[in-house]
Every structure is written in C-alpha cells, then in structure tokens.
Amino acid sequence: MFTKGLVRRALAEAKRNKPEALGDEVLEEFKTAVIQILSPYASGVLLDPDFGLPASRARYGWVGLLLAYEKSGYDNTQPGRMSQLAPGWTVDRLKREGAVGIKLLI
C-alpha cells in the first residue's frame, strides 16, 4: 500500500480519532480537496495511485500528473533506506491512469 501512515495519523489527530478509525475515503477526500485548491498554481502534482487517483481527476487540465511507483516507507530490515515497488502497479499501468511522469526514489 502507498502512503497511509503520516496523512492518516495527522487527519485522525485533527479529528480527535484513532488512525485505524478513519476510512480510506477520508484520505481520498482530503487529497481531492488539496488538489482542487492548489492545482491552479502548479505545473504538476505528485500523488500515490492508491489514494490519489480520485484527486488526480480534480486537477486543472494543464496540470501534469506524476504517480509514485514505490510503497511509502522503507525496508528497515537491512542497512540503508531500501524502497520497495508497489505490488500490483507497473509503469504501464500508471501511464494508463494518466501519469506523464513516474516517481521512483533511488
């Protein structure tokens, strides 16, 4: 899964709730609101495909879409910060979802 942790915790704290009590739709609504408000001032937006795709449809037409290709967080079982690719996603699939660029942390 893509980023759930930090945003979910921050939203839960703001709502005085536990992170696990917030449904995924809350993340999607939050990201959609941010994109609607800020995308007129951007040339592109970076989103995760798991919770960001609904928000990507709310961006202004000239705004490019970058989609993340790795899971959020890192593998802490070995030295260094090792990114992991998101299961179920490929560059081709991200492009079909409208990405004009792919984010991969190396």
PDB file of N, CA and C in Angstrom:
ATOM      1  N   MET A   1       0.822  -1.185   0.000  1.00  0.00           N
ATOM      2  CA  MET A   1       0.000   0.000   0.000  1.00  0.00           C
ATOM      3  C   MET A   1       0.862   1.243   0.000  1.00  0.00           C
ATOM      4  N   PHE A   2       0.316   2.276  -0.558  1.00  0.00           N
ATOM      5  CA  PHE A   2       1.008   3.550  -0.567  1.00  0.00           C
ATOM      6  C   PHE A   2       0.686   4.321   0.702  1.00  0.00           C
ATOM      7  N   THR A   3       1.179   5.511   0.745  1.00  0.00           N
ATOM      8  CA  THR A   3       1.135   6.318   1.954  1.00  0.00           C
ATOM      9  C   THR A   3      -0.222   6.370   2.616  1.00  0.00           C
ATOM     10  N   LYS A   4      -0.241   5.860   3.767  1.00  0.00           N
ATOM     11  CA  LYS A   4      -1.412   5.911   4.620  1.00  0.00           C
ATOM     12  C   LYS A   4      -1.009   6.507   5.943  1.00  0.00           C
ATOM     13  N   GLY A   5       0.151   6.139   6.411  1.00  0.00           N
ATOM     14  CA  GLY A   5       0.564   6.392   7.772  1.00  0.00           C
ATOM     15  C   GLY A   5       0.520   7.840   8.221  1.00  0.00           C
ATOM     16  N   LEU A   6       1.368   8.681   7.660  1.00  0.00           N
ATOM     17  CA  LEU A   6       1.506  10.044   8.156  1.00  0.00           C
ATOM     18  C   LEU A   6       0.246  10.873   7.948  1.00  0.00           C
ATOM     19  N   VAL A   7      -0.316  10.826   6.763  1.00  0.00           N
ATOM     20  CA  VAL A   7      -1.517  11.615   6.487  1.00  0.00           C
ATOM     21  C   VAL A   7      -2.686  11.103   7.324  1.00  0.00           C
ATOM     22  N   ARG A   8      -2.825   9.792   7.400  1.00  0.00           N
ATOM     23  CA  ARG A   8      -3.915   9.220   8.195  1.00  0.00           C
ATOM     24  C   ARG A   8      -3.782   9.625   9.661  1.00  0.00           C
ATOM     25  N   ARG A   9      -2.571   9.564  10.197  1.00  0.00           N
ATOM     26  CA  ARG A   9      -2.358   9.945  11.607  1.00  0.00           C
ATOM     27  C   ARG A   9      -2.668  11.421  11.827  1.00  0.00           C
ATOM     28  N   ALA A  10      -2.228  12.286  10.904  1.00  0.00           N
ATOM     29  CA  ALA A  10      -2.474  13.719  11.051  1.00  0.00           C
ATOM     30  C   ALA A  10      -3.968  14.028  10.977  1.00  0.00           C
ATOM     31  N   LEU A  11      -4.669  13.405  10.046  1.00  0.00           N
ATOM     32  CA  LEU A  11      -6.113  13.630   9.935  1.00  0.00           C
ATOM     33  C   LEU A  11      -6.844  13.098  11.159  1.00  0.00           C
ATOM     34  N   ALA A  12      -6.426  11.936  11.632  1.00  0.00           N
ATOM     35  CA  ALA A  12      -7.053  11.360  12.828  1.00  0.00           C
ATOM     36  C   ALA A  12      -6.844  12.271  14.031  1.00  0.00           C
ATOM     37  N   GLU A  13      -5.635  12.797  14.166  1.00  0.00           N
ATOM     38  CA  GLU A  13      -5.352  13.691  15.287  1.00  0.00           C
ATOM     39  C   GLU A  13      -6.230  14.942  15.206  1.00  0.00           C
ATOM     40  N   ALA A  14      -6.369  15.494  13.994  1.00  0.00           N
ATOM     41  CA  ALA A  14      -7.200  16.686  13.813  1.00  0.00           C
ATOM     42  C   ALA A  14      -8.666  16.400  14.141  1.00  0.00           C
ATOM     43  N   LYS A  15      -9.110  15.189  13.884  1.00  0.00           N
ATOM     44  CA  LYS A  15     -10.492  14.800  14.165  1.00  0.00           C
ATOM     45  C   LYS A  15     -10.648  14.177  15.553  1.00  0.00           C
ATOM     46  N   ARG A  16      -9.520  14.130  16.293  1.00  0.00           N
ATOM     47  CA  ARG A  16      -9.510  13.529  17.634  1.00  0.00           C
ATOM     48  C   ARG A  16     -10.047  12.102  17.601  1.00  0.00           C
ATOM     49  N   ASN A  17      -9.434  11.347  16.711  1.00  0.00           N
ATOM     50  CA  ASN A  17      -9.840   9.969  16.489  1.00  0.00           C
ATOM     51  C   ASN A  17      -8.590   9.111  16.391  1.00  0.00           C
ATOM     52  N   LYS A  18      -8.775   7.805  16.345  1.00  0.00           N
ATOM     53  CA  LYS A  18      -7.653   6.889  16.136  1.00  0.00           C
ATOM     54  C   LYS A  18      -7.455   6.698  14.630  1.00  0.00           C
ATOM     55  N   PRO A  19      -6.189   6.582  14.187  1.00  0.00           N
ATOM     56  CA  PRO A  19      -5.936   6.422  12.755  1.00  0.00           C
ATOM     57  C   PRO A  19      -6.701   5.260  12.125  1.00  0.00           C
ATOM     58  N   GLU A  20      -6.784   4.143  12.815  1.00  0.00           N
ATOM     59  CA  GLU A  20      -7.474   2.983  12.242  1.00  0.00           C
ATOM     60  C   GLU A  20      -8.984   3.189  12.126  1.00  0.00           C
ATOM     61  N   ALA A  21      -9.505   4.227  12.782  1.00  0.00           N
ATOM     62  CA  ALA A  21     -10.940   4.508  12.707  1.00  0.00           C
ATOM     63  C   ALA A  21     -11.308   5.320  11.468  1.00  0.00           C
ATOM     64  N   LEU A  22     -10.317   5.918  10.817  1.00  0.00           N
ATOM     65  CA  LEU A  22     -10.591   6.703   9.616  1.00  0.00           C
ATOM     66  C   LEU A  22     -10.645   5.791   8.401  1.00  0.00           C
ATOM     67  N   GLY A  23     -11.685   5.913   7.630  1.00  0.00           N
ATOM     68  CA  GLY A  23     -11.808   5.131   6.400  1.00  0.00           C
ATOM     69  C   GLY A  23     -10.934   5.703   5.295  1.00  0.00           C
ATOM     70  N   ASP A  24     -10.669   4.888   4.302  1.00  0.00           N
ATOM     71  CA  ASP A  24      -9.852   5.317   3.163  1.00  0.00           C
ATOM     72  C   ASP A  24     -10.475   6.499   2.432  1.00  0.00           C
ATOM     73  N   GLU A  25     -11.798   6.611   2.469  1.00  0.00           N
ATOM     74  CA  GLU A  25     -12.466   7.716   1.773  1.00  0.00           C
ATOM     75  C   GLU A  25     -12.065   9.069   2.355  1.00  0.00           C
ATOM     76  N   VAL A  26     -11.690   9.105   3.634  1.00  0.00           N
ATOM     77  CA  VAL A  26     -11.231  10.358   4.247  1.00  0.00           C
ATOM     78  C   VAL A  26      -9.918  10.805   3.604  1.00  0.00           C
ATOM     79  N   LEU A  27      -9.017   9.864   3.360  1.00  0.00           N
ATOM     80  CA  LEU A  27      -7.753  10.197   2.679  1.00  0.00           C
ATOM     81  C   LEU A  27      -8.027  10.700   1.271  1.00  0.00           C
ATOM     82  N   GLU A  28      -8.917  10.033   0.553  1.00  0.00           N
ATOM     83  CA  GLU A  28      -9.242  10.437  -0.816  1.00  0.00           C
ATOM     84  C   GLU A  28      -9.876  11.826  -0.838  1.00  0.00           C
ATOM     85  N   GLU A  29     -10.790  12.101   0.081  1.00  0.00           N
ATOM     86  CA  GLU A  29     -11.439  13.411   0.138  1.00  0.00           C
ATOM     87  C   GLU A  29     -10.428  14.512   0.460  1.00  0.00           C
ATOM     88  N   PHE A  30      -9.530  14.241   1.395  1.00  0.00           N
ATOM     89  CA  PHE A  30      -8.516  15.222   1.758  1.00  0.00           C
ATOM     90  C   PHE A  30      -7.620  15.539   0.566  1.00  0.00           C
ATOM     91  N   LYS A  31      -7.119  14.516  -0.097  1.00  0.00           N
ATOM     92  CA  LYS A  31      -6.231  14.731  -1.241  1.00  0.00           C
ATOM     93  C   LYS A  31      -6.952  15.435  -2.380  1.00  0.00           C
ATOM     94  N   THR A  32      -8.219  15.103  -2.590  1.00  0.00           N
ATOM     95  CA  THR A  32      -9.005  15.770  -3.629  1.00  0.00           C
ATOM     96  C   THR A  32      -9.164  17.253  -3.316  1.00  0.00           C
ATOM     97  N   ALA A  33      -9.466  17.579  -2.073  1.00  0.00           N
ATOM     98  CA  ALA A  33      -9.615  18.988  -1.679  1.00  0.00           C
ATOM     99  C   ALA A  33      -8.311  19.761  -1.883  1.00  0.00           C
ATOM    100  N   VAL A  34      -7.182  19.161  -1.506  1.00  0.00           N
ATOM    101  CA  VAL A  34      -5.889  19.818  -1.669  1.00  0.00           C
ATOM    102  C   VAL A  34      -5.611  20.078  -3.149  1.00  0.00           C
ATOM    103  N   ILE A  35      -5.861  19.083  -3.992  1.00  0.00           N
ATOM    104  CA  ILE A  35      -5.606  19.234  -5.433  1.00  0.00           C
ATOM    105  C   ILE A  35      -6.529  20.286  -6.038  1.00  0.00           C
ATOM    106  N   GLN A  36      -7.798  20.296  -5.654  1.00  0.00           N
ATOM    107  CA  GLN A  36      -8.731  21.297  -6.188  1.00  0.00           C
ATOM    108  C   GLN A  36      -8.270  22.710  -5.845  1.00  0.00           C
ATOM    109  N   ILE A  37      -7.776  22.898  -4.637  1.00  0.00           N
ATOM    110  CA  ILE A  37      -7.388  24.233  -4.191  1.00  0.00           C
ATOM    111  C   ILE A  37      -6.031  24.651  -4.748  1.00  0.00           C
ATOM    112  N   LEU A  38      -5.062  23.744  -4.772  1.00  0.00           N
ATOM    113  CA  LEU A  38      -3.692  24.125  -5.124  1.00  0.00           C
ATOM    114  C   LEU A  38      -3.298  23.896  -6.580  1.00  0.00           C
ATOM    115  N   SER A  39      -3.979  23.005  -7.292  1.00  0.00           N
ATOM    116  CA  SER A  39      -3.506  22.692  -8.641  1.00  0.00           C
ATOM    117  C   SER A  39      -3.542  23.867  -9.618  1.00  0.00           C
ATOM    118  N   PRO A  40      -4.408  24.867  -9.452  1.00  0.00           N
ATOM    119  CA  PRO A  40      -4.329  26.003 -10.382  1.00  0.00           C
ATOM    120  C   PRO A  40      -2.994  26.744 -10.314  1.00  0.00           C
ATOM    121  N   TYR A  41      -2.237  26.525  -9.255  1.00  0.00           N
ATOM    122  CA  TYR A  41      -0.975  27.219  -9.054  1.00  0.00           C
ATOM    123  C   TYR A  41       0.235  26.328  -9.311  1.00  0.00           C
ATOM    124  N   ALA A  42       0.008  25.146  -9.883  1.00  0.00           N
ATOM    125  CA  ALA A  42       1.088  24.178 -10.065  1.00  0.00           C
ATOM    126  C   ALA A  42       1.202  23.766 -11.529  1.00  0.00           C
ATOM    127  N   SER A  43       2.386  23.335 -11.903  1.00  0.00           N
ATOM    128  CA  SER A  43       2.566  22.766 -13.241  1.00  0.00           C
ATOM    129  C   SER A  43       2.391  21.251 -13.207  1.00  0.00           C
ATOM    130  N   GLY A  44       2.490  20.667 -12.012  1.00  0.00           N
ATOM    131  CA  GLY A  44       2.315  19.225 -11.864  1.00  0.00           C
ATOM    132  C   GLY A  44       2.047  18.873 -10.416  1.00  0.00           C
ATOM    133  N   VAL A  45       1.481  17.694 -10.205  1.00  0.00           N
ATOM    134  CA  VAL A  45       1.220  17.196  -8.858  1.00  0.00           C
ATOM    135  C   VAL A  45       1.746  15.770  -8.752  1.00  0.00           C
ATOM    136  N   LEU A  46       2.218  15.424  -7.561  1.00  0.00           N
ATOM    137  CA  LEU A  46       2.706  14.085  -7.277  1.00  0.00           C
ATOM    138  C   LEU A  46       1.727  13.419  -6.329  1.00  0.00           C
ATOM    139  N   LEU A  47       1.196  12.283  -6.746  1.00  0.00           N
ATOM    140  CA  LEU A  47       0.218  11.555  -5.937  1.00  0.00           C
ATOM    141  C   LEU A  47       0.552  10.076  -5.918  1.00  0.00           C
ATOM    142  N   ASP A  48      -0.016   9.391  -4.946  1.00  0.00           N
ATOM    143  CA  ASP A  48       0.084   7.942  -4.909  1.00  0.00           C
ATOM    144  C   ASP A  48      -1.147   7.383  -5.620  1.00  0.00           C
ATOM    145  N   PRO A  49      -1.014   6.267  -6.317  1.00  0.00           N
ATOM    146  CA  PRO A  49      -2.167   5.748  -7.039  1.00  0.00           C
ATOM    147  C   PRO A  49      -3.245   5.143  -6.146  1.00  0.00           C
ATOM    148  N   ASP A  50      -2.908   4.675  -4.975  1.00  0.00           N
ATOM    149  CA  ASP A  50      -3.918   4.035  -4.135  1.00  0.00           C
ATOM    150  C   ASP A  50      -4.958   5.004  -3.604  1.00  0.00           C
ATOM    151  N   PHE A  51      -4.541   6.171  -3.156  1.00  0.00           N
ATOM    152  CA  PHE A  51      -5.485   7.140  -2.606  1.00  0.00           C
ATOM    153  C   PHE A  51      -5.510   8.445  -3.382  1.00  0.00           C
ATOM    154  N   GLY A  52      -4.616   8.620  -4.330  1.00  0.00           N
ATOM    155  CA  GLY A  52      -4.512   9.863  -5.070  1.00  0.00           C
ATOM    156  C   GLY A  52      -5.229   9.895  -6.404  1.00  0.00           C
ATOM    157  N   LEU A  53      -5.625   8.742  -6.935  1.00  0.00           N
ATOM    158  CA  LEU A  53      -6.268   8.757  -8.258  1.00  0.00           C
ATOM    159  C   LEU A  53      -7.567   9.561  -8.283  1.00  0.00           C
ATOM    160  N   PRO A  54      -8.442   9.440  -7.294  1.00  0.00           N
ATOM    161  CA  PRO A  54      -9.629  10.309  -7.317  1.00  0.00           C
ATOM    162  C   PRO A  54      -9.235  11.792  -7.309  1.00  0.00           C
ATOM    163  N   ALA A  55      -8.214  12.145  -6.552  1.00  0.00           N
ATOM    164  CA  ALA A  55      -7.747  13.529  -6.507  1.00  0.00           C
ATOM    165  C   ALA A  55      -7.167  13.953  -7.850  1.00  0.00           C
ATOM    166  N   SER A  56      -6.527  13.038  -8.560  1.00  0.00           N
ATOM    167  CA  SER A  56      -5.915  13.388  -9.844  1.00  0.00           C
ATOM    168  C   SER A  56      -6.958  13.856 -10.845  1.00  0.00           C
ATOM    169  N   ARG A  57      -8.165  13.379 -10.711  1.00  0.00           N
ATOM    170  CA  ARG A  57      -9.243  13.777 -11.623  1.00  0.00           C
ATOM    171  C   ARG A  57      -9.774  15.169 -11.302  1.00  0.00           C
ATOM    172  N   ALA A  58      -9.391  15.727 -10.154  1.00  0.00           N
ATOM    173  CA  ALA A  58      -9.855  17.053  -9.739  1.00  0.00           C
ATOM    174  C   ALA A  58      -8.874  18.157 -10.117  1.00  0.00           C
ATOM    175  N   ARG A  59      -7.723  17.803 -10.715  1.00  0.00           N
ATOM    176  CA  ARG A  59      -6.727  18.817 -11.038  1.00  0.00           C
ATOM    177  C   ARG A  59      -7.139  19.565 -12.310  1.00  0.00           C
ATOM    178  N   TYR A  60      -6.601  20.759 -12.447  1.00  0.00           N
ATOM    179  CA  TYR A  60      -6.866  21.543 -13.641  1.00  0.00           C
ATOM    180  C   TYR A  60      -6.228  20.869 -14.844  1.00  0.00           C
ATOM    181  N   GLY A  61      -6.807  21.094 -16.028  1.00  0.00           N
ATOM    182  CA  GLY A  61      -6.411  20.380 -17.239  1.00  0.00           C
ATOM    183  C   GLY A  61      -4.958  20.502 -17.635  1.00  0.00           C
ATOM    184  N   TRP A  62      -4.314  21.627 -17.360  1.00  0.00           N
ATOM    185  CA  TRP A  62      -2.928  21.822 -17.777  1.00  0.00           C
ATOM    186  C   TRP A  62      -1.916  21.251 -16.785  1.00  0.00           C
ATOM    187  N   VAL A  63      -2.389  20.754 -15.681  1.00  0.00           N
ATOM    188  CA  VAL A  63      -1.511  20.288 -14.608  1.00  0.00           C
ATOM    189  C   VAL A  63      -1.103  18.838 -14.854  1.00  0.00           C
ATOM    190  N   GLY A  64       0.207  18.600 -14.947  1.00  0.00           N
ATOM    191  CA  GLY A  64       0.715  17.254 -15.178  1.00  0.00           C
ATOM    192  C   GLY A  64       0.553  16.363 -13.949  1.00  0.00           C
ATOM    193  N   LEU A  65       0.488  15.074 -14.197  1.00  0.00           N
ATOM    194  CA  LEU A  65       0.319  14.100 -13.113  1.00  0.00           C
ATOM    195  C   LEU A  65       1.550  13.213 -13.010  1.00  0.00           C
ATOM    196  N   LEU A  66       2.164  13.211 -11.837  1.00  0.00           N
ATOM    197  CA  LEU A  66       3.252  12.294 -11.509  1.00  0.00           C
ATOM    198  C   LEU A  66       2.695  11.294 -10.511  1.00  0.00           C
ATOM    199  N   LEU A  67       2.910  10.018 -10.772  1.00  0.00           N
ATOM    200  CA  LEU A  67       2.439   8.992  -9.838  1.00  0.00           C
ATOM    201  C   LEU A  67       3.623   8.247  -9.256  1.00  0.00           C
ATOM    202  N   ALA A  68       3.537   7.951  -7.978  1.00  0.00           N
ATOM    203  CA  ALA A  68       4.592   7.220  -7.282  1.00  0.00           C
ATOM    204  C   ALA A  68       4.537   5.751  -7.662  1.00  0.00           C
ATOM    205  N   TYR A  69       5.712   5.139  -7.775  1.00  0.00           N
ATOM    206  CA  TYR A  69       5.805   3.733  -8.145  1.00  0.00           C
ATOM    207  C   TYR A  69       6.323   2.870  -7.003  1.00  0.00           C
ATOM    208  N   GLU A  70       6.644   3.484  -5.878  1.00  0.00           N
ATOM    209  CA  GLU A  70       7.113   2.676  -4.754  1.00  0.00           C
ATOM    210  C   GLU A  70       6.172   2.851  -3.566  1.00  0.00           C
ATOM    211  N   LYS A  71       6.225   1.869  -2.675  1.00  0.00           N
ATOM    212  CA  LYS A  71       5.458   1.966  -1.440  1.00  0.00           C
ATOM    213  C   LYS A  71       6.069   3.065  -0.596  1.00  0.00           C
ATOM    214  N   SER A  72       5.250   3.663   0.258  1.00  0.00           N
ATOM    215  CA  SER A  72       5.811   4.651   1.177  1.00  0.00           C
ATOM    216  C   SER A  72       6.555   3.921   2.278  1.00  0.00           C
ATOM    217  N   GLY A  73       7.481   4.619   2.889  1.00  0.00           N
ATOM    218  CA  GLY A  73       8.272   3.988   3.937  1.00  0.00           C
ATOM    219  C   GLY A  73       9.427   3.219   3.330  1.00  0.00           C
ATOM    220  N   TYR A  74      10.190   2.585   4.197  1.00  0.00           N
ATOM    221  CA  TYR A  74      11.400   1.901   3.757  1.00  0.00           C
ATOM    222  C   TYR A  74      11.500   0.560   4.452  1.00  0.00           C
ATOM    223  N   ASP A  75      12.270  -0.318   3.841  1.00  0.00           N
ATOM    224  CA  ASP A  75      12.569  -1.610   4.442  1.00  0.00           C
ATOM    225  C   ASP A  75      13.648  -1.393   5.493  1.00  0.00           C
ATOM    226  N   ASN A  76      13.277  -1.537   6.742  1.00  0.00           N
ATOM    227  CA  ASN A  76      14.226  -1.307   7.836  1.00  0.00           C
ATOM    228  C   ASN A  76      14.921  -2.583   8.285  1.00  0.00           C
ATOM    229  N   THR A  77      14.776  -3.664   7.546  1.00  0.00           N
ATOM    230  CA  THR A  77      15.390  -4.925   7.943  1.00  0.00           C
ATOM    231  C   THR A  77      16.841  -5.029   7.494  1.00  0.00           C
ATOM    232  N   GLN A  78      17.314  -4.067   6.706  1.00  0.00           N
ATOM    233  CA  GLN A  78      18.692  -4.079   6.257  1.00  0.00           C
ATOM    234  C   GLN A  78      19.251  -2.657   6.315  1.00  0.00           C
ATOM    235  N   PRO A  79      20.560  -2.501   6.287  1.00  0.00           N
ATOM    236  CA  PRO A  79      21.147  -1.160   6.376  1.00  0.00           C
ATOM    237  C   PRO A  79      20.705  -0.280   5.207  1.00  0.00           C
ATOM    238  N   GLY A  80      20.598   1.005   5.476  1.00  0.00           N
ATOM    239  CA  GLY A  80      20.201   1.942   4.438  1.00  0.00           C
ATOM    240  C   GLY A  80      18.688   2.011   4.313  1.00  0.00           C
ATOM    241  N   ARG A  81      18.241   2.853   3.408  1.00  0.00           N
ATOM    242  CA  ARG A  81      16.803   3.005   3.175  1.00  0.00           C
ATOM    243  C   ARG A  81      16.480   2.367   1.828  1.00  0.00           C
ATOM    244  N   MET A  82      15.853   1.228   1.846  1.00  0.00           N
ATOM    245  CA  MET A  82      15.545   0.496   0.623  1.00  0.00           C
ATOM    246  C   MET A  82      14.079   0.685   0.252  1.00  0.00           C
ATOM    247  N   SER A  83      13.843   1.291  -0.901  1.00  0.00           N
ATOM    248  CA  SER A  83      12.475   1.427  -1.392  1.00  0.00           C
ATOM    249  C   SER A  83      11.992   0.096  -1.928  1.00  0.00           C
ATOM    250  N   GLN A  84      10.695  -0.102  -1.896  1.00  0.00           N
ATOM    251  CA  GLN A  84      10.084  -1.292  -2.468  1.00  0.00           C
ATOM    252  C   GLN A  84       9.026  -0.855  -3.469  1.00  0.00           C
ATOM    253  N   LEU A  85       8.959  -1.548  -4.591  1.00  0.00           N
ATOM    254  CA  LEU A  85       7.936  -1.233  -5.589  1.00  0.00           C
ATOM    255  C   LEU A  85       6.571  -1.625  -5.061  1.00  0.00           C
ATOM    256  N   ALA A  86       5.591  -0.878  -5.493  1.00  0.00           N
ATOM    257  CA  ALA A  86       4.224  -1.129  -5.042  1.00  0.00           C
ATOM    258  C   ALA A  86       3.674  -2.364  -5.738  1.00  0.00           C
ATOM    259  N   PRO A  87       3.160  -3.308  -4.976  1.00  0.00           N
ATOM    260  CA  PRO A  87       2.590  -4.505  -5.599  1.00  0.00           C
ATOM    261  C   PRO A  87       1.350  -4.150  -6.419  1.00  0.00           C
ATOM    262  N   GLY A  88       1.245  -4.771  -7.572  1.00  0.00           N
ATOM    263  CA  GLY A  88       0.074  -4.568  -8.417  1.00  0.00           C
ATOM    264  C   GLY A  88       0.175  -3.385  -9.365  1.00  0.00           C
ATOM    265  N   TRP A  89       1.258  -2.615  -9.275  1.00  0.00           N
ATOM    266  CA  TRP A  89       1.410  -1.456 -10.155  1.00  0.00           C
ATOM    267  C   TRP A  89       2.625  -1.648 -11.057  1.00  0.00           C
ATOM    268  N   THR A  90       2.483  -1.193 -12.288  1.00  0.00           N
ATOM    269  CA  THR A  90       3.582  -1.183 -13.246  1.00  0.00           C
ATOM    270  C   THR A  90       3.647   0.216 -13.855  1.00  0.00           C
ATOM    271  N   VAL A  91       4.755   0.537 -14.500  1.00  0.00           N
ATOM    272  CA  VAL A  91       4.853   1.829 -15.168  1.00  0.00           C
ATOM    273  C   VAL A  91       3.762   1.952 -16.215  1.00  0.00           C
ATOM    274  N   ASP A  92       3.520   0.896 -16.960  1.00  0.00           N
ATOM    275  CA  ASP A  92       2.478   0.931 -17.983  1.00  0.00           C
ATOM    276  C   ASP A  92       1.108   1.212 -17.370  1.00  0.00           C
ATOM    277  N   ARG A  93       0.809   0.565 -16.280  1.00  0.00           N
ATOM    278  CA  ARG A  93      -0.494   0.789 -15.623  1.00  0.00           C
ATOM    279  C   ARG A  93      -0.600   2.218 -15.097  1.00  0.00           C
ATOM    280  N   LEU A  94       0.482   2.755 -14.525  1.00  0.00           N
ATOM    281  CA  LEU A  94       0.475   4.130 -14.043  1.00  0.00           C
ATOM    282  C   LEU A  94       0.262   5.113 -15.202  1.00  0.00           C
ATOM    283  N   LYS A  95       0.882   4.827 -16.345  1.00  0.00           N
ATOM    284  CA  LYS A  95       0.674   5.666 -17.529  1.00  0.00           C
ATOM    285  C   LYS A  95      -0.772   5.610 -17.995  1.00  0.00           C
ATOM    286  N   ARG A  96      -1.359   4.425 -17.971  1.00  0.00           N
ATOM    287  CA  ARG A  96      -2.771   4.296 -18.371  1.00  0.00           C
ATOM    288  C   ARG A  96      -3.694   5.075 -17.442  1.00  0.00           C
ATOM    289  N   GLU A  97      -3.258   5.287 -16.205  1.00  0.00           N
ATOM    290  CA  GLU A  97      -4.045   6.070 -15.245  1.00  0.00           C
ATOM    291  C   GLU A  97      -3.862   7.576 -15.437  1.00  0.00           C
ATOM    292  N   GLY A  98      -2.993   7.948 -16.386  1.00  0.00           N
ATOM    293  CA  GLY A  98      -2.838   9.363 -16.712  1.00  0.00           C
ATOM    294  C   GLY A  98      -1.513   9.986 -16.335  1.00  0.00           C
ATOM    295  N   ALA A  99      -0.590   9.220 -15.804  1.00  0.00           N
ATOM    296  CA  ALA A  99       0.701   9.771 -15.394  1.00  0.00           C
ATOM    297  C   ALA A  99       1.500  10.234 -16.609  1.00  0.00           C
ATOM    298  N   VAL A 100       2.089  11.419 -16.489  1.00  0.00           N
ATOM    299  CA  VAL A 100       3.031  11.897 -17.501  1.00  0.00           C
ATOM    300  C   VAL A 100       4.453  11.714 -16.990  1.00  0.00           C
ATOM    301  N   GLY A 101       4.569  11.317 -15.742  1.00  0.00           N
ATOM    302  CA  GLY A 101       5.863  11.027 -15.131  1.00  0.00           C
ATOM    303  C   GLY A 101       5.682  10.054 -13.991  1.00  0.00           C
ATOM    304  N   ILE A 102       6.749   9.308 -13.722  1.00  0.00           N
ATOM    305  CA  ILE A 102       6.723   8.284 -12.663  1.00  0.00           C
ATOM    306  C   ILE A 102       7.762   8.666 -11.622  1.00  0.00           C
ATOM    307  N   LYS A 103       7.380   8.662 -10.348  1.00  0.00           N
ATOM    308  CA  LYS A 103       8.312   8.961  -9.262  1.00  0.00           C
ATOM    309  C   LYS A 103       8.861   7.655  -8.723  1.00  0.00           C
ATOM    310  N   LEU A 104      10.175   7.550  -8.732  1.00  0.00           N
ATOM    311  CA  LEU A 104      10.852   6.391  -8.170  1.00  0.00           C
ATOM    312  C   LEU A 104      12.034   6.903  -7.374  1.00  0.00           C
ATOM    313  N   LEU A 105      12.026   6.662  -6.079  1.00  0.00           N
ATOM    314  CA  LEU A 105      13.111   7.116  -5.213  1.00  0.00           C
ATOM    315  C   LEU A 105      14.260   6.127  -5.296  1.00  0.00           C
ATOM    316  N   ILE A 106      15.412   6.621  -5.700  1.00  0.00           N
ATOM    317  CA  ILE A 106      16.590   5.766  -5.837  1.00  0.00           C
ATOM    318  C   ILE A 106      17.657   6.223  -4.855  1.00  0.00           C
TER     319      ILE A 106
END
